[in-house]
Amino acid sequence: MKIMRAPLLMIGLLLCAQSFAATDQQNKMTTCNAEATAKTLKGDERKAFMSNCLKAQPAANDAKALMTPQQEKMKTCNATAATQALTGEARKTFMSDCLKKK
């Protein structure tokens, strides 16, 4: 019975360690909180600042890094369709063909 305790303990520790990894939202919360503290905001000012800070989108460079290859392809195809002024069925066909290309 004692032999089983060590492996079970190790598995438990590994599973717990995964739940402690900070998410992007948690990192954003930490950053916004640090900024609010540095600015010595209190009360309603702090609430408003935190709300705006947490709603803020990442910078353009960060947003591009967060896009998946499929999202980048979709953005490119959409821009091309817009420059060609495609609408309706022609746009649907173009988008379908464009997204299928590798």
N, C-alpha and C. Protein backbone atom coordinates (compact mmCIF):
# COMPACT_ATOMS: atom_id res chain seq x y z
N MET A 1 0.81 -1.19 0.00
CA MET A 1 0.00 0.00 0.00
C MET A 1 0.86 1.26 0.00
N LYS A 2 1.97 1.23 0.73
CA LYS A 2 2.85 2.39 0.76
C LYS A 2 3.50 2.63 -0.59
N ILE A 3 3.68 1.59 -1.36
CA ILE A 3 4.30 1.72 -2.67
C ILE A 3 3.40 2.54 -3.60
N MET A 4 2.11 2.45 -3.46
CA MET A 4 1.15 3.17 -4.30
C MET A 4 1.06 4.65 -3.93
N ARG A 5 1.41 5.03 -2.73
CA ARG A 5 1.27 6.42 -2.29
C ARG A 5 2.17 7.37 -3.07
N ALA A 6 3.40 6.99 -3.28
CA ALA A 6 4.35 7.88 -3.96
C ALA A 6 3.91 8.21 -5.39
N PRO A 7 3.58 7.21 -6.22
CA PRO A 7 3.13 7.55 -7.58
C PRO A 7 1.83 8.37 -7.59
N LEU A 8 0.91 8.05 -6.70
CA LEU A 8 -0.33 8.80 -6.65
C LEU A 8 -0.08 10.24 -6.20
N LEU A 9 0.82 10.42 -5.29
CA LEU A 9 1.18 11.76 -4.84
C LEU A 9 1.80 12.56 -5.98
N MET A 10 2.68 11.93 -6.75
CA MET A 10 3.33 12.61 -7.87
C MET A 10 2.31 13.00 -8.94
N ILE A 11 1.38 12.12 -9.24
CA ILE A 11 0.35 12.42 -10.24
C ILE A 11 -0.51 13.57 -9.74
N GLY A 12 -0.86 13.55 -8.47
CA GLY A 12 -1.65 14.63 -7.89
C GLY A 12 -0.94 15.97 -7.97
N LEU A 13 0.35 15.97 -7.70
CA LEU A 13 1.13 17.21 -7.77
C LEU A 13 1.20 17.75 -9.19
N LEU A 14 1.35 16.87 -10.17
CA LEU A 14 1.40 17.29 -11.57
C LEU A 14 0.08 17.91 -12.00
N LEU A 15 -1.02 17.30 -11.59
CA LEU A 15 -2.33 17.83 -11.96
C LEU A 15 -2.58 19.18 -11.29
N CYS A 16 -2.15 19.33 -10.06
CA CYS A 16 -2.33 20.60 -9.35
C CYS A 16 -1.47 21.70 -9.97
N ALA A 17 -0.30 21.36 -10.40
CA ALA A 17 0.62 22.35 -10.97
C ALA A 17 0.03 22.97 -12.23
N GLN A 18 -0.71 22.19 -13.01
CA GLN A 18 -1.31 22.71 -14.23
C GLN A 18 -2.38 23.75 -13.92
N SER A 19 -3.10 23.58 -12.82
CA SER A 19 -4.16 24.53 -12.48
C SER A 19 -3.60 25.84 -11.96
N PHE A 20 -2.33 25.89 -11.58
CA PHE A 20 -1.73 27.12 -11.07
C PHE A 20 -1.14 28.00 -12.16
N ALA A 21 -1.10 27.53 -13.39
CA ALA A 21 -0.55 28.35 -14.48
C ALA A 21 -1.48 29.53 -14.71
N ALA A 22 -0.92 30.72 -14.80
CA ALA A 22 -1.71 31.94 -14.97
C ALA A 22 -2.25 32.03 -16.39
N THR A 23 -3.51 32.42 -16.51
CA THR A 23 -4.11 32.61 -17.82
C THR A 23 -3.79 34.02 -18.31
N ASP A 24 -4.10 34.30 -19.57
CA ASP A 24 -3.87 35.63 -20.12
C ASP A 24 -4.67 36.68 -19.35
N GLN A 25 -5.92 36.33 -19.00
CA GLN A 25 -6.76 37.26 -18.26
C GLN A 25 -6.17 37.56 -16.88
N GLN A 26 -5.64 36.53 -16.23
CA GLN A 26 -5.03 36.74 -14.92
C GLN A 26 -3.79 37.63 -15.04
N ASN A 27 -3.01 37.42 -16.08
CA ASN A 27 -1.83 38.26 -16.31
C ASN A 27 -2.24 39.70 -16.56
N LYS A 28 -3.31 39.88 -17.34
CA LYS A 28 -3.80 41.22 -17.63
C LYS A 28 -4.29 41.90 -16.35
N MET A 29 -4.99 41.13 -15.50
CA MET A 29 -5.49 41.65 -14.24
C MET A 29 -4.32 42.12 -13.35
N THR A 30 -3.26 41.31 -13.30
CA THR A 30 -2.09 41.66 -12.51
C THR A 30 -1.45 42.95 -13.02
N THR A 31 -1.31 43.07 -14.32
CA THR A 31 -0.71 44.25 -14.93
C THR A 31 -1.55 45.50 -14.66
N CYS A 32 -2.86 45.39 -14.88
CA CYS A 32 -3.75 46.53 -14.65
C CYS A 32 -3.74 46.94 -13.19
N ASN A 33 -3.75 45.96 -12.31
CA ASN A 33 -3.73 46.24 -10.88
C ASN A 33 -2.45 46.97 -10.49
N ALA A 34 -1.32 46.54 -11.03
CA ALA A 34 -0.04 47.18 -10.74
C ALA A 34 -0.04 48.63 -11.24
N GLU A 35 -0.61 48.86 -12.43
CA GLU A 35 -0.68 50.22 -12.98
C GLU A 35 -1.55 51.11 -12.11
N ALA A 36 -2.70 50.58 -11.67
CA ALA A 36 -3.61 51.36 -10.83
C ALA A 36 -2.95 51.70 -9.50
N THR A 37 -2.19 50.77 -8.95
CA THR A 37 -1.49 51.02 -7.69
C THR A 37 -0.40 52.07 -7.89
N ALA A 38 0.32 51.97 -9.01
CA ALA A 38 1.38 52.94 -9.29
C ALA A 38 0.82 54.35 -9.45
N LYS A 39 -0.39 54.45 -9.97
CA LYS A 39 -1.03 55.76 -10.16
C LYS A 39 -1.78 56.20 -8.90
N THR A 40 -1.73 55.39 -7.87
CA THR A 40 -2.42 55.62 -6.58
C THR A 40 -3.89 55.98 -6.77
N LEU A 41 -4.57 55.21 -7.60
CA LEU A 41 -6.00 55.42 -7.83
C LEU A 41 -6.79 54.75 -6.73
N LYS A 42 -7.91 55.38 -6.35
CA LYS A 42 -8.76 54.82 -5.30
C LYS A 42 -10.22 55.02 -5.68
N GLY A 43 -11.08 54.19 -5.11
CA GLY A 43 -12.52 54.33 -5.26
C GLY A 43 -13.00 54.19 -6.69
N ASP A 44 -13.89 55.12 -7.08
CA ASP A 44 -14.50 55.07 -8.42
C ASP A 44 -13.47 55.25 -9.53
N GLU A 45 -12.44 56.07 -9.28
CA GLU A 45 -11.39 56.25 -10.28
C GLU A 45 -10.70 54.92 -10.58
N ARG A 46 -10.41 54.17 -9.53
CA ARG A 46 -9.73 52.88 -9.69
C ARG A 46 -10.64 51.90 -10.42
N LYS A 47 -11.92 51.87 -10.06
CA LYS A 47 -12.87 50.97 -10.72
C LYS A 47 -12.95 51.28 -12.21
N ALA A 48 -13.05 52.56 -12.54
CA ALA A 48 -13.14 52.95 -13.95
C ALA A 48 -11.86 52.58 -14.70
N PHE A 49 -10.71 52.86 -14.07
CA PHE A 49 -9.44 52.53 -14.70
C PHE A 49 -9.32 51.02 -14.94
N MET A 50 -9.65 50.23 -13.91
CA MET A 50 -9.55 48.77 -14.03
C MET A 50 -10.48 48.25 -15.12
N SER A 51 -11.68 48.79 -15.17
CA SER A 51 -12.64 48.36 -16.19
C SER A 51 -12.09 48.63 -17.59
N ASN A 52 -11.61 49.84 -17.82
CA ASN A 52 -11.06 50.20 -19.13
C ASN A 52 -9.82 49.39 -19.46
N CYS A 53 -8.97 49.21 -18.47
CA CYS A 53 -7.72 48.47 -18.68
C CYS A 53 -8.01 47.02 -19.06
N LEU A 54 -8.95 46.40 -18.38
CA LEU A 54 -9.25 44.99 -18.64
C LEU A 54 -9.99 44.80 -19.96
N LYS A 55 -10.72 45.82 -20.41
CA LYS A 55 -11.43 45.74 -21.68
C LYS A 55 -10.52 46.03 -22.87
N ALA A 56 -9.41 46.70 -22.60
CA ALA A 56 -8.50 47.13 -23.67
C ALA A 56 -8.00 45.93 -24.47
N GLN A 57 -7.95 46.12 -25.77
CA GLN A 57 -7.43 45.10 -26.67
C GLN A 57 -5.91 45.18 -26.70
N PRO A 58 -5.24 44.06 -26.98
CA PRO A 58 -3.79 44.12 -27.09
C PRO A 58 -3.37 45.01 -28.26
N ALA A 59 -2.15 45.48 -28.21
CA ALA A 59 -1.62 46.31 -29.28
C ALA A 59 -1.67 45.55 -30.60
N ALA A 60 -1.58 46.28 -31.70
CA ALA A 60 -1.69 45.66 -33.03
C ALA A 60 -0.68 44.53 -33.21
N ASN A 61 0.54 44.72 -32.75
CA ASN A 61 1.56 43.68 -32.88
C ASN A 61 1.19 42.45 -32.06
N ASP A 62 0.64 42.67 -30.86
CA ASP A 62 0.23 41.55 -30.02
C ASP A 62 -0.96 40.82 -30.62
N ALA A 63 -1.90 41.57 -31.20
CA ALA A 63 -3.09 40.95 -31.78
C ALA A 63 -2.70 40.05 -32.95
N LYS A 64 -1.76 40.48 -33.77
CA LYS A 64 -1.33 39.67 -34.90
C LYS A 64 -0.66 38.38 -34.41
N ALA A 65 0.09 38.47 -33.33
CA ALA A 65 0.75 37.29 -32.78
C ALA A 65 -0.26 36.31 -32.22
N LEU A 66 -1.43 36.80 -31.81
CA LEU A 66 -2.44 35.93 -31.22
C LEU A 66 -3.34 35.27 -32.27
N MET A 67 -3.24 35.71 -33.52
CA MET A 67 -4.11 35.15 -34.56
C MET A 67 -3.58 33.79 -35.01
N THR A 68 -4.51 32.88 -35.21
CA THR A 68 -4.15 31.56 -35.73
C THR A 68 -3.91 31.68 -37.23
N PRO A 69 -3.26 30.69 -37.83
CA PRO A 69 -3.06 30.73 -39.28
C PRO A 69 -4.38 30.82 -40.05
N GLN A 70 -5.42 30.14 -39.56
CA GLN A 70 -6.73 30.19 -40.22
C GLN A 70 -7.31 31.60 -40.15
N GLN A 71 -7.13 32.27 -39.00
CA GLN A 71 -7.64 33.64 -38.86
C GLN A 71 -6.89 34.59 -39.79
N GLU A 72 -5.59 34.39 -39.91
CA GLU A 72 -4.80 35.23 -40.81
C GLU A 72 -5.24 35.03 -42.25
N LYS A 73 -5.49 33.76 -42.62
CA LYS A 73 -5.95 33.46 -43.98
C LYS A 73 -7.31 34.10 -44.22
N MET A 74 -8.20 34.02 -43.24
CA MET A 74 -9.53 34.61 -43.36
C MET A 74 -9.43 36.12 -43.54
N LYS A 75 -8.54 36.76 -42.78
CA LYS A 75 -8.36 38.20 -42.87
C LYS A 75 -7.84 38.60 -44.25
N THR A 76 -6.88 37.83 -44.76
CA THR A 76 -6.31 38.12 -46.08
C THR A 76 -7.35 37.94 -47.18
N CYS A 77 -8.08 36.83 -47.13
CA CYS A 77 -9.11 36.57 -48.15
C CYS A 77 -10.20 37.63 -48.09
N ASN A 78 -10.59 38.03 -46.89
CA ASN A 78 -11.63 39.04 -46.72
C ASN A 78 -11.19 40.38 -47.30
N ALA A 79 -9.93 40.74 -47.05
CA ALA A 79 -9.40 41.99 -47.59
C ALA A 79 -9.35 41.96 -49.11
N THR A 80 -8.94 40.82 -49.66
CA THR A 80 -8.88 40.69 -51.12
C THR A 80 -10.27 40.79 -51.73
N ALA A 81 -11.24 40.15 -51.10
CA ALA A 81 -12.62 40.21 -51.60
C ALA A 81 -13.15 41.64 -51.53
N ALA A 82 -12.77 42.36 -50.50
CA ALA A 82 -13.22 43.74 -50.36
C ALA A 82 -12.61 44.63 -51.44
N THR A 83 -11.32 44.42 -51.74
CA THR A 83 -10.68 45.25 -52.77
C THR A 83 -11.25 44.95 -54.16
N GLN A 84 -11.75 43.73 -54.35
CA GLN A 84 -12.36 43.36 -55.63
C GLN A 84 -13.85 43.73 -55.66
N ALA A 85 -14.35 44.28 -54.57
CA ALA A 85 -15.75 44.70 -54.45
C ALA A 85 -16.72 43.56 -54.74
N LEU A 86 -16.39 42.37 -54.27
CA LEU A 86 -17.26 41.21 -54.48
C LEU A 86 -18.41 41.24 -53.48
N THR A 87 -19.58 40.85 -53.95
CA THR A 87 -20.76 40.78 -53.08
C THR A 87 -21.56 39.53 -53.42
N GLY A 88 -22.41 39.15 -52.49
CA GLY A 88 -23.35 38.06 -52.71
C GLY A 88 -22.68 36.73 -53.00
N GLU A 89 -23.21 36.04 -53.99
CA GLU A 89 -22.74 34.70 -54.34
C GLU A 89 -21.30 34.71 -54.83
N ALA A 90 -20.91 35.75 -55.56
CA ALA A 90 -19.52 35.85 -56.06
C ALA A 90 -18.55 35.91 -54.88
N ARG A 91 -18.91 36.65 -53.84
CA ARG A 91 -18.05 36.76 -52.66
C ARG A 91 -17.96 35.42 -51.94
N LYS A 92 -19.11 34.75 -51.79
CA LYS A 92 -19.13 33.45 -51.12
C LYS A 92 -18.23 32.45 -51.85
N THR A 93 -18.35 32.43 -53.16
CA THR A 93 -17.53 31.51 -53.95
C THR A 93 -16.05 31.85 -53.83
N PHE A 94 -15.73 33.14 -53.94
CA PHE A 94 -14.34 33.56 -53.81
C PHE A 94 -13.77 33.20 -52.45
N MET A 95 -14.51 33.49 -51.39
CA MET A 95 -14.04 33.21 -50.03
C MET A 95 -13.83 31.70 -49.84
N SER A 96 -14.74 30.91 -50.36
CA SER A 96 -14.61 29.46 -50.22
C SER A 96 -13.35 28.98 -50.92
N ASP A 97 -13.14 29.42 -52.14
CA ASP A 97 -11.95 29.01 -52.89
C ASP A 97 -10.66 29.53 -52.22
N CYS A 98 -10.69 30.76 -51.78
CA CYS A 98 -9.51 31.36 -51.16
C CYS A 98 -9.13 30.64 -49.87
N LEU A 99 -10.11 30.29 -49.07
CA LEU A 99 -9.83 29.62 -47.79
C LEU A 99 -9.38 28.18 -47.97
N LYS A 100 -9.74 27.57 -49.09
CA LYS A 100 -9.34 26.18 -49.34
C LYS A 100 -7.89 26.10 -49.82
N LYS A 101 -7.36 27.18 -50.37
CA LYS A 101 -5.98 27.17 -50.85
C LYS A 101 -5.02 27.06 -49.68
N LYS A 102 -3.89 26.42 -49.94
CA LYS A 102 -2.88 26.26 -48.88
C LYS A 102 -1.81 27.27 -48.98
